[in-house]
Amino acid sequence: MSTPVEVVNHMMQQDRFSQWLGIEVLEIKEGFSKIKMTVREEMVNGFGIVHGGITFSLADSAFAFACNNRNQLSVALDTSINFIKPVHVGDELTAVASEVHNGKSTGLYHIEIFNQKNHMVAQFKGLCFRTDKTLV
């Protein structure tokens, strides 16, 4: 049986997008993940702030690591995000995913994203569907 850390390590090895984002895994427990990344210049939109898709993607990766780390392939059914503060080049973002509900066929997760000043910049909610497949 694979541990949550082994499952997430396997996921990261296959996840080219999370690698491109520069995600570093900080902590993994059943139904929980904490990850971080540093925002780069190519992540800026036409308004001179970081594209919302970058913050969403960080939260989505934290969601994926939290809902899959029991080695049961789970996919997103529904997600939403609230952008609270702008994100800038050089910001170090940390996403913390916590399990709200772990059901047989679905799971609900709340992800908070903070900058290096510990200011919350976004909140993300994710609902996943659990399949009968394993990852590792």
C-alpha atoms as a PDB file:
ATOM      1  CA  MET A   1       0.000   0.000   0.000  1.00  0.00           C
ATOM      2  CA  SER A   2       1.396   3.399  -1.005  1.00  0.00           C
ATOM      3  CA  THR A   3       1.701   6.256   1.478  1.00  0.00           C
ATOM      4  CA  PRO A   4       0.240   9.704   0.714  1.00  0.00           C
ATOM      5  CA  VAL A   5       3.774  11.071   0.177  1.00  0.00           C
ATOM      6  CA  GLU A   6       4.631   8.281  -2.282  1.00  0.00           C
ATOM      7  CA  VAL A   7       1.429   8.923  -4.237  1.00  0.00           C
ATOM      8  CA  VAL A   8       2.101  12.673  -4.506  1.00  0.00           C
ATOM      9  CA  ASN A   9       5.750  12.085  -5.454  1.00  0.00           C
ATOM     10  CA  HIS A  10       4.511   9.810  -8.256  1.00  0.00           C
ATOM     11  CA  MET A  11       1.989  12.446  -9.350  1.00  0.00           C
ATOM     12  CA  MET A  12       4.661  15.169  -9.417  1.00  0.00           C
ATOM     13  CA  GLN A  13       6.956  13.019 -11.571  1.00  0.00           C
ATOM     14  CA  GLN A  14       4.192  12.807 -14.207  1.00  0.00           C
ATOM     15  CA  ASP A  15       2.782  16.348 -13.828  1.00  0.00           C
ATOM     16  CA  ARG A  16       4.624  18.508 -16.348  1.00  0.00           C
ATOM     17  CA  PHE A  17       2.402  21.520 -15.659  1.00  0.00           C
ATOM     18  CA  SER A  18       3.035  21.549 -11.905  1.00  0.00           C
ATOM     19  CA  GLN A  19       6.735  21.165 -12.725  1.00  0.00           C
ATOM     20  CA  TRP A  20       6.534  24.171 -15.097  1.00  0.00           C
ATOM     21  CA  LEU A  21       4.831  26.207 -12.376  1.00  0.00           C
ATOM     22  CA  GLY A  22       7.822  25.444 -10.139  1.00  0.00           C
ATOM     23  CA  ILE A  23       5.717  23.830  -7.430  1.00  0.00           C
ATOM     24  CA  GLU A  24       7.490  22.542  -4.353  1.00  0.00           C
ATOM     25  CA  VAL A  25       5.645  20.084  -2.121  1.00  0.00           C
ATOM     26  CA  LEU A  26       5.947  21.143   1.531  1.00  0.00           C
ATOM     27  CA  GLU A  27       3.642  18.756   3.403  1.00  0.00           C
ATOM     28  CA  ILE A  28       1.383  15.823   2.579  1.00  0.00           C
ATOM     29  CA  LYS A  29      -1.019  13.948   4.858  1.00  0.00           C
ATOM     30  CA  GLU A  30      -4.169  11.983   4.073  1.00  0.00           C
ATOM     31  CA  GLY A  31      -6.630  14.467   2.581  1.00  0.00           C
ATOM     32  CA  PHE A  32      -4.193  17.384   3.012  1.00  0.00           C
ATOM     33  CA  SER A  33      -1.488  19.101   0.995  1.00  0.00           C
ATOM     34  CA  LYS A  34       0.658  22.194   1.349  1.00  0.00           C
ATOM     35  CA  ILE A  35       2.629  23.403  -1.679  1.00  0.00           C
ATOM     36  CA  LYS A  36       4.372  26.576  -2.800  1.00  0.00           C
ATOM     37  CA  MET A  37       5.701  28.332  -5.885  1.00  0.00           C
ATOM     38  CA  THR A  38       7.366  31.599  -6.845  1.00  0.00           C
ATOM     39  CA  VAL A  39       5.663  33.773  -9.471  1.00  0.00           C
ATOM     40  CA  ARG A  40       7.752  34.480 -12.604  1.00  0.00           C
ATOM     41  CA  GLU A  41       7.607  37.272 -15.200  1.00  0.00           C
ATOM     42  CA  GLU A  42       5.994  35.114 -17.896  1.00  0.00           C
ATOM     43  CA  MET A  43       2.987  34.632 -15.587  1.00  0.00           C
ATOM     44  CA  VAL A  44       1.869  38.286 -15.841  1.00  0.00           C
ATOM     45  CA  ASN A  45      -1.256  39.314 -17.749  1.00  0.00           C
ATOM     46  CA  GLY A  46      -1.874  42.485 -19.780  1.00  0.00           C
ATOM     47  CA  PHE A  47      -2.719  44.451 -16.629  1.00  0.00           C
ATOM     48  CA  GLY A  48       0.727  43.918 -15.117  1.00  0.00           C
ATOM     49  CA  ILE A  49      -0.515  41.536 -12.437  1.00  0.00           C
ATOM     50  CA  VAL A  50      -0.288  37.771 -12.340  1.00  0.00           C
ATOM     51  CA  HIS A  51      -2.828  35.953 -14.510  1.00  0.00           C
ATOM     52  CA  GLY A  52      -5.619  34.479 -12.403  1.00  0.00           C
ATOM     53  CA  GLY A  53      -5.042  31.138 -14.083  1.00  0.00           C
ATOM     54  CA  ILE A  54      -1.695  30.861 -12.299  1.00  0.00           C
ATOM     55  CA  THR A  55      -3.267  31.207  -8.855  1.00  0.00           C
ATOM     56  CA  PHE A  56      -6.077  28.857  -9.920  1.00  0.00           C
ATOM     57  CA  SER A  57      -3.545  26.308 -11.186  1.00  0.00           C
ATOM     58  CA  LEU A  58      -1.569  26.339  -7.934  1.00  0.00           C
ATOM     59  CA  ALA A  59      -4.795  25.774  -5.986  1.00  0.00           C
ATOM     60  CA  ASP A  60      -5.875  23.074  -8.436  1.00  0.00           C
ATOM     61  CA  SER A  61      -2.591  21.211  -7.934  1.00  0.00           C
ATOM     62  CA  ALA A  62      -2.987  21.408  -4.138  1.00  0.00           C
ATOM     63  CA  PHE A  63      -6.548  20.087  -4.585  1.00  0.00           C
ATOM     64  CA  ALA A  64      -5.328  17.203  -6.762  1.00  0.00           C
ATOM     65  CA  PHE A  65      -2.580  16.247  -4.306  1.00  0.00           C
ATOM     66  CA  ALA A  66      -5.001  16.291  -1.364  1.00  0.00           C
ATOM     67  CA  CYS A  67      -7.852  14.366  -2.986  1.00  0.00           C
ATOM     68  CA  ASN A  68      -5.668  11.713  -4.661  1.00  0.00           C
ATOM     69  CA  ASN A  69      -3.120  10.979  -1.951  1.00  0.00           C
ATOM     70  CA  ARG A  70      -4.977   7.931  -0.622  1.00  0.00           C
ATOM     71  CA  ASN A  71      -4.073   6.318  -3.978  1.00  0.00           C
ATOM     72  CA  GLN A  72      -7.630   6.429  -5.320  1.00  0.00           C
ATOM     73  CA  LEU A  73      -7.775   8.235  -8.668  1.00  0.00           C
ATOM     74  CA  SER A  74     -10.039  11.245  -8.184  1.00  0.00           C
ATOM     75  CA  VAL A  75     -10.969  13.865 -10.768  1.00  0.00           C
ATOM     76  CA  ALA A  76     -12.497  17.325 -10.439  1.00  0.00           C
ATOM     77  CA  LEU A  77     -16.276  17.583 -10.730  1.00  0.00           C
ATOM     78  CA  ASP A  78     -16.597  21.239  -9.811  1.00  0.00           C
ATOM     79  CA  THR A  79     -14.219  23.997  -8.777  1.00  0.00           C
ATOM     80  CA  SER A  80     -14.499  27.677  -7.961  1.00  0.00           C
ATOM     81  CA  ILE A  81     -12.129  30.396  -6.882  1.00  0.00           C
ATOM     82  CA  ASN A  82     -12.402  33.792  -5.239  1.00  0.00           C
ATOM     83  CA  PHE A  83      -9.557  36.201  -5.955  1.00  0.00           C
ATOM     84  CA  ILE A  84      -9.023  38.392  -2.900  1.00  0.00           C
ATOM     85  CA  LYS A  85      -5.780  40.313  -3.558  1.00  0.00           C
ATOM     86  CA  PRO A  86      -3.610  40.809  -6.641  1.00  0.00           C
ATOM     87  CA  VAL A  87      -0.507  38.669  -7.090  1.00  0.00           C
ATOM     88  CA  HIS A  88       2.762  40.114  -8.422  1.00  0.00           C
ATOM     89  CA  VAL A  89       5.985  38.865  -9.971  1.00  0.00           C
ATOM     90  CA  GLY A  90       8.305  37.592  -7.257  1.00  0.00           C
ATOM     91  CA  ASP A  91       5.493  36.695  -4.862  1.00  0.00           C
ATOM     92  CA  GLU A  92       5.886  33.339  -3.156  1.00  0.00           C
ATOM     93  CA  LEU A  93       2.494  31.664  -3.015  1.00  0.00           C
ATOM     94  CA  THR A  94       1.575  28.861  -0.644  1.00  0.00           C
ATOM     95  CA  ALA A  95      -1.555  26.774  -1.147  1.00  0.00           C
ATOM     96  CA  VAL A  96      -3.012  24.757   1.725  1.00  0.00           C
ATOM     97  CA  ALA A  97      -5.638  22.147   0.806  1.00  0.00           C
ATOM     98  CA  SER A  98      -7.827  20.723   3.567  1.00  0.00           C
ATOM     99  CA  GLU A  99     -10.418  18.008   3.292  1.00  0.00           C
ATOM    100  CA  VAL A 100     -13.941  19.008   4.274  1.00  0.00           C
ATOM    101  CA  HIS A 101     -15.665  15.740   3.273  1.00  0.00           C
ATOM    102  CA  ASN A 102     -14.257  12.329   2.295  1.00  0.00           C
ATOM    103  CA  GLY A 103     -17.074  10.284   0.838  1.00  0.00           C
ATOM    104  CA  LYS A 104     -17.084   7.002  -1.030  1.00  0.00           C
ATOM    105  CA  SER A 105     -17.678   8.633  -4.420  1.00  0.00           C
ATOM    106  CA  THR A 106     -16.962  12.335  -3.792  1.00  0.00           C
ATOM    107  CA  GLY A 107     -14.685  14.549  -1.761  1.00  0.00           C
ATOM    108  CA  LEU A 108     -14.898  18.247  -0.907  1.00  0.00           C
ATOM    109  CA  TYR A 109     -11.783  20.368  -0.364  1.00  0.00           C
ATOM    110  CA  HIS A 110     -11.066  23.952   0.673  1.00  0.00           C
ATOM    111  CA  ILE A 111      -7.819  25.514  -0.517  1.00  0.00           C
ATOM    112  CA  GLU A 112      -6.412  28.791   0.817  1.00  0.00           C
ATOM    113  CA  ILE A 113      -3.637  30.606  -1.046  1.00  0.00           C
ATOM    114  CA  PHE A 114      -1.315  32.977   0.807  1.00  0.00           C
ATOM    115  CA  ASN A 115       1.545  35.230  -0.304  1.00  0.00           C
ATOM    116  CA  GLN A 116       4.903  35.587   1.444  1.00  0.00           C
ATOM    117  CA  LYS A 117       3.404  38.208   3.807  1.00  0.00           C
ATOM    118  CA  ASN A 118       0.842  35.597   4.912  1.00  0.00           C
ATOM    119  CA  HIS A 119      -1.942  37.604   3.238  1.00  0.00           C
ATOM    120  CA  MET A 120      -4.679  35.445   1.769  1.00  0.00           C
ATOM    121  CA  VAL A 121      -4.801  36.157  -1.968  1.00  0.00           C
ATOM    122  CA  ALA A 122      -7.451  33.583  -2.972  1.00  0.00           C
ATOM    123  CA  GLN A 123      -9.794  30.856  -1.786  1.00  0.00           C
ATOM    124  CA  PHE A 124     -10.621  27.792  -3.870  1.00  0.00           C
ATOM    125  CA  LYS A 125     -13.238  25.090  -3.408  1.00  0.00           C
ATOM    126  CA  GLY A 126     -13.009  21.756  -5.177  1.00  0.00           C
ATOM    127  CA  LEU A 127     -15.394  18.816  -5.436  1.00  0.00           C
ATOM    128  CA  CYS A 128     -13.882  15.577  -6.734  1.00  0.00           C
ATOM    129  CA  PHE A 129     -15.268  12.292  -8.007  1.00  0.00           C
ATOM    130  CA  ARG A 130     -13.530   9.139  -6.820  1.00  0.00           C
ATOM    131  CA  THR A 131     -12.945   6.342  -9.327  1.00  0.00           C
ATOM    132  CA  ASP A 132     -12.098   2.705  -8.602  1.00  0.00           C
ATOM    133  CA  LYS A 133      -8.592   3.105 -10.083  1.00  0.00           C
ATOM    134  CA  THR A 134      -5.295   3.541  -8.254  1.00  0.00           C
ATOM    135  CA  LEU A 135      -2.423   5.863  -9.167  1.00  0.00           C
ATOM    136  CA  VAL A 136       0.573   3.865  -7.935  1.00  0.00           C
END
